[in-house]
Amino acid sequence: MPIKILMPALSPTMTEGNLVRWLKSEGDSVKPGQIIAEIETDKATMEVEVTDEGTLAKIYVAAGSENVKVNTLIGAILEEDEDPSALEGLAAAAPAVTATAPAAAAKDNSSSAPQAVNSGPVRASDERVFASPLARRLADQNNMDLNSITGTGPRGRIVKADIEAAASAPRSGAQTMPSSAPVAYGDAAYIEMPLNNMRKVIAKRLTESKQQVPHFYLTVDCNLEALLKLRSDLNARLEDSKLSVNDFIVKATALALMKVPASNASWHETHIRQYQAADVSVAVAIEGGLVTPVVRSAHLKSLKEISAEVKSLAERARAGKLMPEDYQGGSFTISNLGMYGIRQFAAIINPPQACIMAVGAGEQRAVVAEGQVKIATMMTCTLSADHRVVDGAVGANFLAAFKEFIEDPLRLLI
């Protein structure tokens, strides 16, 4: 019986994805553990592994197809000595994908030289240019007009290679016309930017959060003088890496969560889940959106371990290489915009988590201490809390504990 390859759900929020490319062609042998395809999710581009041995007998959804629903049949594997006629029963389940080259043609195109050069793009009676979804997306990203590009794919279809070749070639005004050129609207001009999967999910989830979660906000100012001195002393002793202020913030947050466990919780319709470990999500800005990879059990890790892990997670996030286990879960989120010079802001809660803390920049301010005005480096942090889970006193106790760890940072080393 043929083994179905279905569009996988590679993240909890994924309902559809883009099939970026096949790494195997029809007729190729496959073994467990081999990478067969790349799927673009709302978080990153993920690799799909084969779990069975056999031959990739049929590709139902071609490379470059966009918005393929989860659990859609995208391919089939035949086991050894299995008759190809066994595929006939799967044909009815195969999706009708428009504007995508048939699988067999895609295979021929990937394994052979381009067909005879056309005098121009092939058009239907309505003058529509035939191009794969991936080619259209790349053309849009590069401000290229498909009407000026000659397709070398099956039946003159414009494929990824054509876009890449055109992008690397010198362009003149007569050859290309940006598809996203500014459009006049009254006295202003604008361009329309297509939404990627990540931006769609961010828009949906945060809109729901702001509409359905009863947010309240608490703000505290923390004196960073002792922390900055300790950081300087520790970094002078470290040869292979340097600690950032954010590393101290992650550690202080984790310890404060363990000290005030009622803040380390999430909302579920029939119960509140209180976590026994501080799994701290750290917001990382990437191209097209942001992700929140998780530092697991941060309360048990040293500052150096947290520093190395945060750097690794951030690098993989920006490269689109995070695995689902890197960003799923998390009991509390930190959003730090201090490096952008932002003094104070309020973040939107990421459900089902009950809290997110917005961290501002450390800056010198005039403060009153023991009846005298002094200059100190201060940092403003604002807690956004879900009032269904966290009451005002709980939020205040958490911020008080966090402030104590920040202002007495030697406690972070114990």
Protein backbone atom coordinates (compact mmCIF):
# COMPACT_ATOMS: atom_id res chain seq x y z
CA MET A 1 0.00 0.00 0.00
CA PRO A 2 1.45 3.41 -0.93
CA ILE A 3 2.81 5.54 1.92
CA LYS A 4 1.20 8.96 1.89
CA ILE A 5 3.31 12.10 2.37
CA LEU A 6 1.05 14.71 3.93
CA MET A 7 1.64 18.41 4.48
CA PRO A 8 2.91 18.36 8.08
CA ALA A 9 1.86 20.66 10.91
CA LEU A 10 5.29 21.92 11.96
CA SER A 11 4.09 24.39 14.59
CA PRO A 12 1.05 24.66 16.87
CA THR A 13 -0.32 27.62 14.91
CA MET A 14 0.31 26.25 11.43
CA THR A 15 -2.76 25.60 9.27
CA GLU A 16 -1.06 25.91 5.90
CA GLY A 17 2.42 26.32 4.51
CA ASN A 18 4.45 26.86 1.37
CA LEU A 19 6.20 23.92 -0.27
CA VAL A 20 9.50 25.62 -1.04
CA ARG A 21 11.22 22.77 -2.86
CA TRP A 22 11.54 19.02 -3.25
CA LEU A 23 15.00 17.59 -2.57
CA LYS A 24 14.04 14.31 -4.25
CA SER A 25 12.47 13.70 -7.65
CA GLU A 26 9.95 11.11 -8.77
CA GLY A 27 11.67 7.75 -9.09
CA ASP A 28 14.36 8.49 -6.49
CA SER A 29 14.97 5.99 -3.71
CA VAL A 30 14.44 7.31 -0.20
CA LYS A 31 15.46 6.04 3.24
CA PRO A 32 14.41 6.95 6.79
CA GLY A 33 16.16 10.09 8.02
CA GLN A 34 16.70 11.59 4.56
CA ILE A 35 15.46 15.13 3.90
CA ILE A 36 12.82 15.04 1.20
CA ALA A 37 11.40 18.58 1.09
CA GLU A 38 11.52 22.07 2.57
CA ILE A 39 8.36 23.64 3.99
CA GLU A 40 7.94 27.33 4.87
CA THR A 41 5.84 27.71 8.02
CA ASP A 42 4.67 30.75 9.94
CA LYS A 43 7.93 30.59 11.94
CA ALA A 44 10.72 29.33 9.69
CA THR A 45 11.70 27.13 6.76
CA MET A 46 11.69 23.54 8.01
CA GLU A 47 13.09 20.32 6.56
CA VAL A 48 10.82 17.29 6.18
CA GLU A 49 12.39 13.90 6.88
CA VAL A 50 11.38 10.58 5.36
CA THR A 51 10.26 7.97 7.88
CA ASP A 52 9.89 5.03 5.49
CA GLU A 53 12.04 3.32 2.87
CA GLY A 54 10.99 3.03 -0.74
CA THR A 55 10.71 5.05 -3.95
CA LEU A 56 9.24 8.52 -4.28
CA ALA A 57 6.67 7.46 -6.85
CA LYS A 58 4.49 10.52 -7.18
CA ILE A 59 4.64 14.23 -6.35
CA TYR A 60 1.16 15.73 -6.13
CA VAL A 61 2.12 19.27 -5.09
CA ALA A 62 4.96 20.86 -7.02
CA ALA A 63 7.76 22.96 -5.57
CA GLY A 64 6.82 26.59 -5.18
CA SER A 65 3.19 25.91 -4.25
CA GLU A 66 1.86 28.29 -1.63
CA ASN A 67 -0.84 28.05 1.04
CA VAL A 68 -0.98 24.26 1.03
CA LYS A 69 -3.32 23.12 3.81
CA VAL A 70 -2.02 20.90 6.60
CA ASN A 71 -2.66 17.17 5.93
CA THR A 72 -2.93 17.75 2.18
CA LEU A 73 -1.53 14.84 0.15
CA ILE A 74 1.71 16.17 -1.37
CA GLY A 75 3.44 12.96 -2.43
CA ALA A 76 3.50 9.17 -2.21
CA ILE A 77 6.15 6.51 -1.61
CA LEU A 78 5.97 2.98 -2.96
CA GLU A 79 7.67 0.18 -1.07
CA GLU A 80 10.00 -2.28 -2.78
CA ASP A 81 8.32 -4.31 -5.53
CA GLU A 82 5.04 -2.44 -5.07
CA ASP A 83 3.15 -1.92 -8.33
CA PRO A 84 2.70 1.71 -9.50
CA SER A 85 -0.97 0.92 -10.14
CA ALA A 86 -1.44 1.15 -6.37
CA LEU A 87 -1.27 4.92 -6.79
CA GLU A 88 -4.59 5.02 -8.65
CA GLY A 89 -6.57 5.02 -5.43
CA LEU A 90 -4.72 8.09 -4.20
CA ALA A 91 -5.49 10.24 -7.22
CA ALA A 92 -8.84 11.38 -5.85
CA ALA A 93 -7.15 12.65 -2.70
CA ALA A 94 -4.59 14.69 -4.59
CA PRO A 95 -5.24 18.46 -4.40
CA ALA A 96 -5.92 20.58 -7.43
CA VAL A 97 -3.05 23.07 -7.25
CA THR A 98 -3.29 25.96 -9.64
CA ALA A 99 -0.46 27.90 -11.24
CA THR A 100 1.99 25.11 -10.44
CA ALA A 101 3.90 22.91 -12.87
CA PRO A 102 2.94 19.19 -12.85
CA ALA A 103 5.30 17.05 -10.82
CA ALA A 104 6.63 15.06 -13.74
CA ALA A 105 7.34 18.19 -15.70
CA ALA A 106 9.04 19.69 -12.67
CA LYS A 107 11.28 16.64 -12.49
CA ASP A 108 12.19 16.92 -16.17
CA ASN A 109 12.98 20.59 -15.73
CA SER A 110 15.23 20.00 -12.72
CA SER A 111 17.23 17.21 -14.31
CA SER A 112 17.71 18.50 -17.84
CA ALA A 113 18.84 21.60 -19.68
CA PRO A 114 16.31 24.37 -20.41
CA GLN A 115 14.03 23.75 -23.37
CA ALA A 116 14.19 25.79 -26.55
CA VAL A 117 14.46 29.49 -25.80
CA ASN A 118 11.16 31.31 -26.22
CA SER A 119 10.82 34.72 -27.76
CA GLY A 120 8.87 35.85 -24.70
CA PRO A 121 6.72 34.66 -21.83
CA VAL A 122 3.91 32.29 -22.77
CA ARG A 123 0.51 33.93 -22.23
CA ALA A 124 -3.03 32.63 -22.19
CA SER A 125 -5.76 34.38 -24.12
CA ASP A 126 -6.08 36.89 -21.27
CA GLU A 127 -2.36 37.67 -21.52
CA ARG A 128 -1.61 36.14 -18.10
CA VAL A 129 2.03 35.19 -17.62
CA PHE A 130 2.56 31.59 -16.50
CA ALA A 131 4.87 31.41 -13.48
CA SER A 132 5.26 29.21 -10.43
CA PRO A 133 4.09 30.68 -7.11
CA LEU A 134 7.68 30.73 -5.84
CA ALA A 135 8.81 32.60 -8.96
CA ARG A 136 6.04 35.15 -8.47
CA ARG A 137 7.03 35.66 -4.84
CA LEU A 138 10.71 36.11 -5.72
CA ALA A 139 9.82 38.51 -8.51
CA ASP A 140 7.73 40.58 -6.12
CA GLN A 141 10.53 40.63 -3.54
CA ASN A 142 12.98 41.84 -6.20
CA ASN A 143 10.57 44.41 -7.73
CA MET A 144 10.67 42.59 -11.07
CA ASP A 145 8.00 42.57 -13.77
CA LEU A 146 7.15 39.04 -14.95
CA ASN A 147 6.14 40.41 -18.35
CA SER A 148 9.80 41.16 -19.08
CA ILE A 149 11.14 37.69 -18.17
CA THR A 150 11.41 34.73 -20.53
CA GLY A 151 10.41 31.43 -18.95
CA THR A 152 12.56 28.31 -19.44
CA GLY A 153 10.29 25.92 -17.55
CA PRO A 154 7.81 23.48 -19.04
CA ARG A 155 5.68 25.16 -21.72
CA GLY A 156 7.48 28.43 -21.14
CA ARG A 157 6.56 28.72 -17.47
CA ILE A 158 8.71 31.16 -15.45
CA VAL A 159 10.51 29.28 -12.68
CA LYS A 160 12.83 30.21 -9.82
CA ALA A 161 15.98 29.92 -11.97
CA ASP A 162 14.59 32.50 -14.42
CA ILE A 163 14.02 35.02 -11.63
CA GLU A 164 17.51 34.46 -10.21
CA ALA A 165 19.07 34.87 -13.66
CA ALA A 166 17.13 38.06 -14.33
CA ALA A 167 17.99 39.45 -10.89
CA SER A 168 21.71 38.97 -11.50
CA ALA A 169 21.63 40.50 -14.98
CA PRO A 170 21.97 44.29 -15.55
CA ARG A 171 18.55 45.87 -15.74
CA SER A 172 17.38 48.85 -17.73
CA GLY A 173 14.17 50.78 -17.60
CA ALA A 174 13.04 49.16 -20.85
CA GLN A 175 13.58 45.63 -19.51
CA THR A 176 11.94 45.71 -16.11
CA MET A 177 9.28 47.68 -14.35
CA PRO A 178 8.89 47.14 -10.60
CA SER A 179 5.65 45.33 -9.82
CA SER A 180 5.42 47.15 -6.49
CA ALA A 181 6.14 50.64 -7.77
CA PRO A 182 4.60 53.44 -5.67
CA VAL A 183 0.97 54.08 -6.52
CA ALA A 184 -0.47 57.57 -6.28
CA TYR A 185 -3.42 58.00 -3.92
CA GLY A 186 -4.52 61.57 -3.64
CA ASP A 187 -1.42 63.58 -2.73
CA ALA A 188 0.41 60.53 -1.28
CA ALA A 189 2.03 57.43 -2.72
CA TYR A 190 2.22 53.92 -1.34
CA ILE A 191 3.37 50.41 -2.11
CA GLU A 192 1.55 47.23 -1.10
CA MET A 193 3.64 44.64 0.73
CA PRO A 194 2.41 41.03 0.54
CA LEU A 195 1.84 39.24 3.85
CA ASN A 196 3.99 36.24 4.66
CA ASN A 197 2.72 33.40 6.87
CA MET A 198 4.52 34.75 9.93
CA ARG A 199 2.95 38.20 9.66
CA LYS A 200 -0.51 36.66 9.19
CA VAL A 201 -0.13 34.58 12.35
CA ILE A 202 1.25 37.52 14.36
CA ALA A 203 -1.69 39.68 13.26
CA LYS A 204 -4.25 37.01 14.12
CA ARG A 205 -2.86 35.96 17.50
CA LEU A 206 -2.08 39.41 18.85
CA THR A 207 -5.42 40.81 17.71
CA GLU A 208 -7.14 37.98 19.56
CA SER A 209 -4.93 38.61 22.60
CA LYS A 210 -5.73 42.31 22.79
CA GLN A 211 -9.45 41.65 22.26
CA GLN A 212 -9.90 38.66 24.56
CA VAL A 213 -7.23 38.93 27.28
CA PRO A 214 -7.86 41.47 30.07
CA HIS A 215 -4.46 43.16 30.15
CA PHE A 216 -3.25 45.28 33.03
CA TYR A 217 0.14 46.94 33.38
CA LEU A 218 2.65 47.50 36.19
CA THR A 219 5.90 49.46 35.86
CA VAL A 220 9.06 49.48 37.96
CA ASP A 221 12.41 51.32 37.72
CA CYS A 222 15.57 49.30 38.44
CA ASN A 223 18.98 50.69 39.36
CA LEU A 224 21.62 49.03 37.15
CA GLU A 225 24.77 50.42 38.77
CA ALA A 226 25.69 47.25 40.71
CA LEU A 227 24.74 44.99 37.80
CA LEU A 228 26.88 46.93 35.31
CA LYS A 229 29.88 46.77 37.63
CA LEU A 230 29.47 43.01 38.16
CA ARG A 231 29.04 42.49 34.43
CA SER A 232 32.24 44.42 33.73
CA ASP A 233 34.16 42.38 36.31
CA LEU A 234 32.87 39.06 34.97
CA ASN A 235 33.51 39.96 31.32
CA ALA A 236 37.11 40.86 32.20
CA ARG A 237 37.53 37.25 33.32
CA LEU A 238 35.76 35.66 30.36
CA GLU A 239 37.85 34.93 27.29
CA ASP A 240 35.53 33.15 24.87
CA SER A 241 32.29 35.13 25.35
CA LYS A 242 30.84 38.23 26.96
CA LEU A 243 27.74 38.59 29.09
CA SER A 244 25.05 41.06 28.06
CA VAL A 245 22.66 42.95 30.32
CA ASN A 246 19.88 40.86 28.76
CA ASP A 247 21.51 37.68 30.10
CA PHE A 248 21.20 39.09 33.63
CA ILE A 249 17.58 40.04 32.91
CA VAL A 250 16.73 36.49 31.79
CA LYS A 251 18.31 35.00 34.92
CA ALA A 252 16.65 37.55 37.24
CA THR A 253 13.29 36.90 35.58
CA ALA A 254 13.65 33.14 36.02
CA LEU A 255 14.52 33.44 39.72
CA ALA A 256 11.66 35.91 40.30
CA LEU A 257 9.24 33.45 38.68
CA MET A 258 10.36 30.72 41.04
CA LYS A 259 10.04 33.08 44.01
CA VAL A 260 6.52 34.15 42.92
CA PRO A 261 5.16 30.97 41.28
CA ALA A 262 1.67 32.42 40.78
CA SER A 263 3.14 34.62 38.04
CA ASN A 264 4.65 31.59 36.28
CA ALA A 265 1.34 30.39 34.87
CA SER A 266 -0.94 30.25 31.85
CA TRP A 267 -4.67 30.42 31.20
CA HIS A 268 -6.73 27.46 30.04
CA GLU A 269 -10.51 27.58 29.81
CA THR A 270 -11.12 25.09 32.63
CA HIS A 271 -8.02 25.66 34.76
CA ILE A 272 -4.89 27.69 35.39
CA ARG A 273 -1.63 25.87 34.75
CA GLN A 274 1.18 26.80 37.14
CA TYR A 275 4.64 25.78 35.94
CA GLN A 276 7.34 24.18 38.07
CA ALA A 277 10.20 25.45 35.88
CA ALA A 278 11.00 28.91 34.51
CA ASP A 279 10.97 28.46 30.73
CA VAL A 280 11.67 32.02 29.60
CA SER A 281 10.74 33.05 26.05
CA VAL A 282 12.93 35.80 24.58
CA ALA A 283 11.49 37.88 21.74
CA VAL A 284 13.85 38.03 18.74
CA ALA A 285 13.21 40.37 15.80
CA ILE A 286 13.77 38.73 12.42
CA GLU A 287 13.02 39.74 8.85
CA GLY A 288 9.27 39.82 8.38
CA GLY A 289 8.29 39.48 12.05
CA LEU A 290 9.49 38.11 15.36
CA VAL A 291 9.81 34.78 17.14
CA THR A 292 10.14 33.86 20.80
CA PRO A 293 12.64 31.01 21.31
CA VAL A 294 12.65 29.54 24.81
CA VAL A 295 15.45 29.23 27.36
CA ARG A 296 14.35 26.09 29.22
CA SER A 297 14.74 25.92 33.01
CA ALA A 298 16.57 29.24 33.02
CA HIS A 299 16.49 29.31 36.84
CA LEU A 300 18.91 26.34 36.89
CA LYS A 301 21.39 27.74 34.36
CA SER A 302 24.40 29.97 34.91
CA LEU A 303 24.71 33.39 33.32
CA LYS A 304 27.29 31.99 30.91
CA GLU A 305 25.00 29.12 29.89
CA ILE A 306 22.09 31.50 29.38
CA SER A 307 24.29 33.83 27.31
CA ALA A 308 25.45 31.03 25.00
CA GLU A 309 21.93 29.66 24.59
CA VAL A 310 20.33 33.03 23.83
CA LYS A 311 23.02 33.79 21.22
CA SER A 312 22.54 30.39 19.57
CA LEU A 313 18.75 30.70 19.51
CA ALA A 314 18.90 34.23 18.10
CA GLU A 315 21.32 33.22 15.34
CA ARG A 316 19.16 30.25 14.32
CA ALA A 317 16.02 32.39 14.48
CA ARG A 318 17.47 34.97 12.09
CA ALA A 319 18.64 32.18 9.77
CA GLY A 320 15.19 30.57 9.83
CA LYS A 321 16.60 27.38 11.34
CA LEU A 322 14.64 27.10 14.59
CA MET A 323 13.03 23.75 15.28
CA PRO A 324 9.49 23.64 16.75
CA GLU A 325 10.86 22.56 20.13
CA ASP A 326 12.96 25.74 20.19
CA TYR A 327 9.95 28.07 20.29
CA GLN A 328 7.00 25.99 21.48
CA GLY A 329 5.93 26.35 25.10
CA GLY A 330 7.49 28.88 27.42
CA SER A 331 5.90 30.16 30.62
CA PHE A 332 6.85 33.88 30.47
CA THR A 333 8.14 36.23 27.76
CA ILE A 334 10.74 39.01 27.82
CA SER A 335 10.61 41.70 25.12
CA ASN A 336 13.71 43.90 25.31
CA LEU A 337 13.86 47.03 23.16
CA GLY A 338 16.58 48.68 25.21
CA MET A 339 19.11 48.27 22.42
CA TYR A 340 16.90 50.51 20.26
CA GLY A 341 16.92 53.31 22.83
CA ILE A 342 13.31 52.80 23.86
CA ARG A 343 12.82 54.01 27.44
CA GLN A 344 9.45 52.42 28.20
CA PHE A 345 6.71 50.49 26.39
CA ALA A 346 3.95 47.95 27.03
CA ALA A 347 3.96 44.60 25.22
CA ILE A 348 1.00 42.43 24.19
CA ILE A 349 0.64 39.09 25.98
CA ASN A 350 1.31 35.95 23.92
CA PRO A 351 -1.44 33.49 24.96
CA PRO A 352 -1.73 31.15 26.71
CA GLN A 353 1.08 32.76 28.74
CA ALA A 354 -0.18 35.12 31.42
CA CYS A 355 2.69 37.63 31.44
CA ILE A 356 5.15 39.44 29.23
CA MET A 357 7.69 41.99 30.47
CA ALA A 358 8.76 44.93 28.34
CA VAL A 359 12.33 46.05 29.08
CA GLY A 360 13.53 49.53 28.23
CA ALA A 361 17.00 51.02 27.83
CA GLY A 362 19.37 51.62 30.71
CA GLU A 363 19.97 55.36 30.89
CA GLN A 364 21.42 57.83 33.32
CA ARG A 365 18.80 59.70 35.34
CA ALA A 366 18.66 61.92 38.37
CA VAL A 367 17.45 59.89 41.34
CA VAL A 368 16.89 60.77 44.99
CA ALA A 369 18.75 58.56 47.49
CA GLU A 370 19.02 59.26 51.19
CA GLY A 371 17.74 62.78 50.67
CA GLN A 372 20.28 63.61 47.96
CA VAL A 373 19.99 63.84 44.18
CA LYS A 374 22.39 61.48 42.44
CA ILE A 375 23.02 60.25 38.91
CA ALA A 376 22.35 56.55 38.36
CA THR A 377 21.79 54.21 35.40
CA MET A 378 18.12 53.23 35.54
CA MET A 379 16.06 50.74 33.55
CA THR A 380 12.26 50.83 33.28
CA CYS A 381 10.39 47.52 32.99
CA THR A 382 6.65 47.16 32.39
CA LEU A 383 4.77 43.94 33.13
CA SER A 384 1.70 43.15 31.01
CA ALA A 385 -0.41 40.60 32.89
CA ASP A 386 -3.56 38.59 32.19
CA HIS A 387 -5.95 39.49 35.03
CA ARG A 388 -7.69 36.13 34.70
CA VAL A 389 -4.49 34.49 35.98
CA VAL A 390 -2.45 37.17 37.75
CA ASP A 391 -3.89 39.65 40.21
CA GLY A 392 -2.35 43.05 40.85
CA ALA A 393 -0.64 41.96 44.07
CA VAL A 394 0.92 38.94 42.36
CA GLY A 395 2.26 41.10 39.55
CA ALA A 396 3.62 43.61 42.05
CA ASN A 397 5.35 40.85 44.03
CA PHE A 398 6.94 39.50 40.87
CA LEU A 399 8.32 42.92 39.89
CA ALA A 400 9.57 43.49 43.44
CA ALA A 401 11.44 40.17 43.34
CA PHE A 402 12.82 40.95 39.87
CA LYS A 403 14.00 44.38 41.03
CA GLU A 404 15.78 42.83 44.04
CA PHE A 405 17.72 40.42 41.83
CA ILE A 406 18.66 43.18 39.38
CA GLU A 407 19.82 45.60 42.06
CA ASP A 408 21.64 42.90 44.09
CA PRO A 409 23.08 40.90 41.17
CA LEU A 410 25.47 38.79 43.29
CA ARG A 411 22.35 36.79 44.16
CA LEU A 412 22.21 35.69 40.52
CA LEU A 413 25.52 33.85 41.01
CA ILE A 414 24.46 31.85 44.05
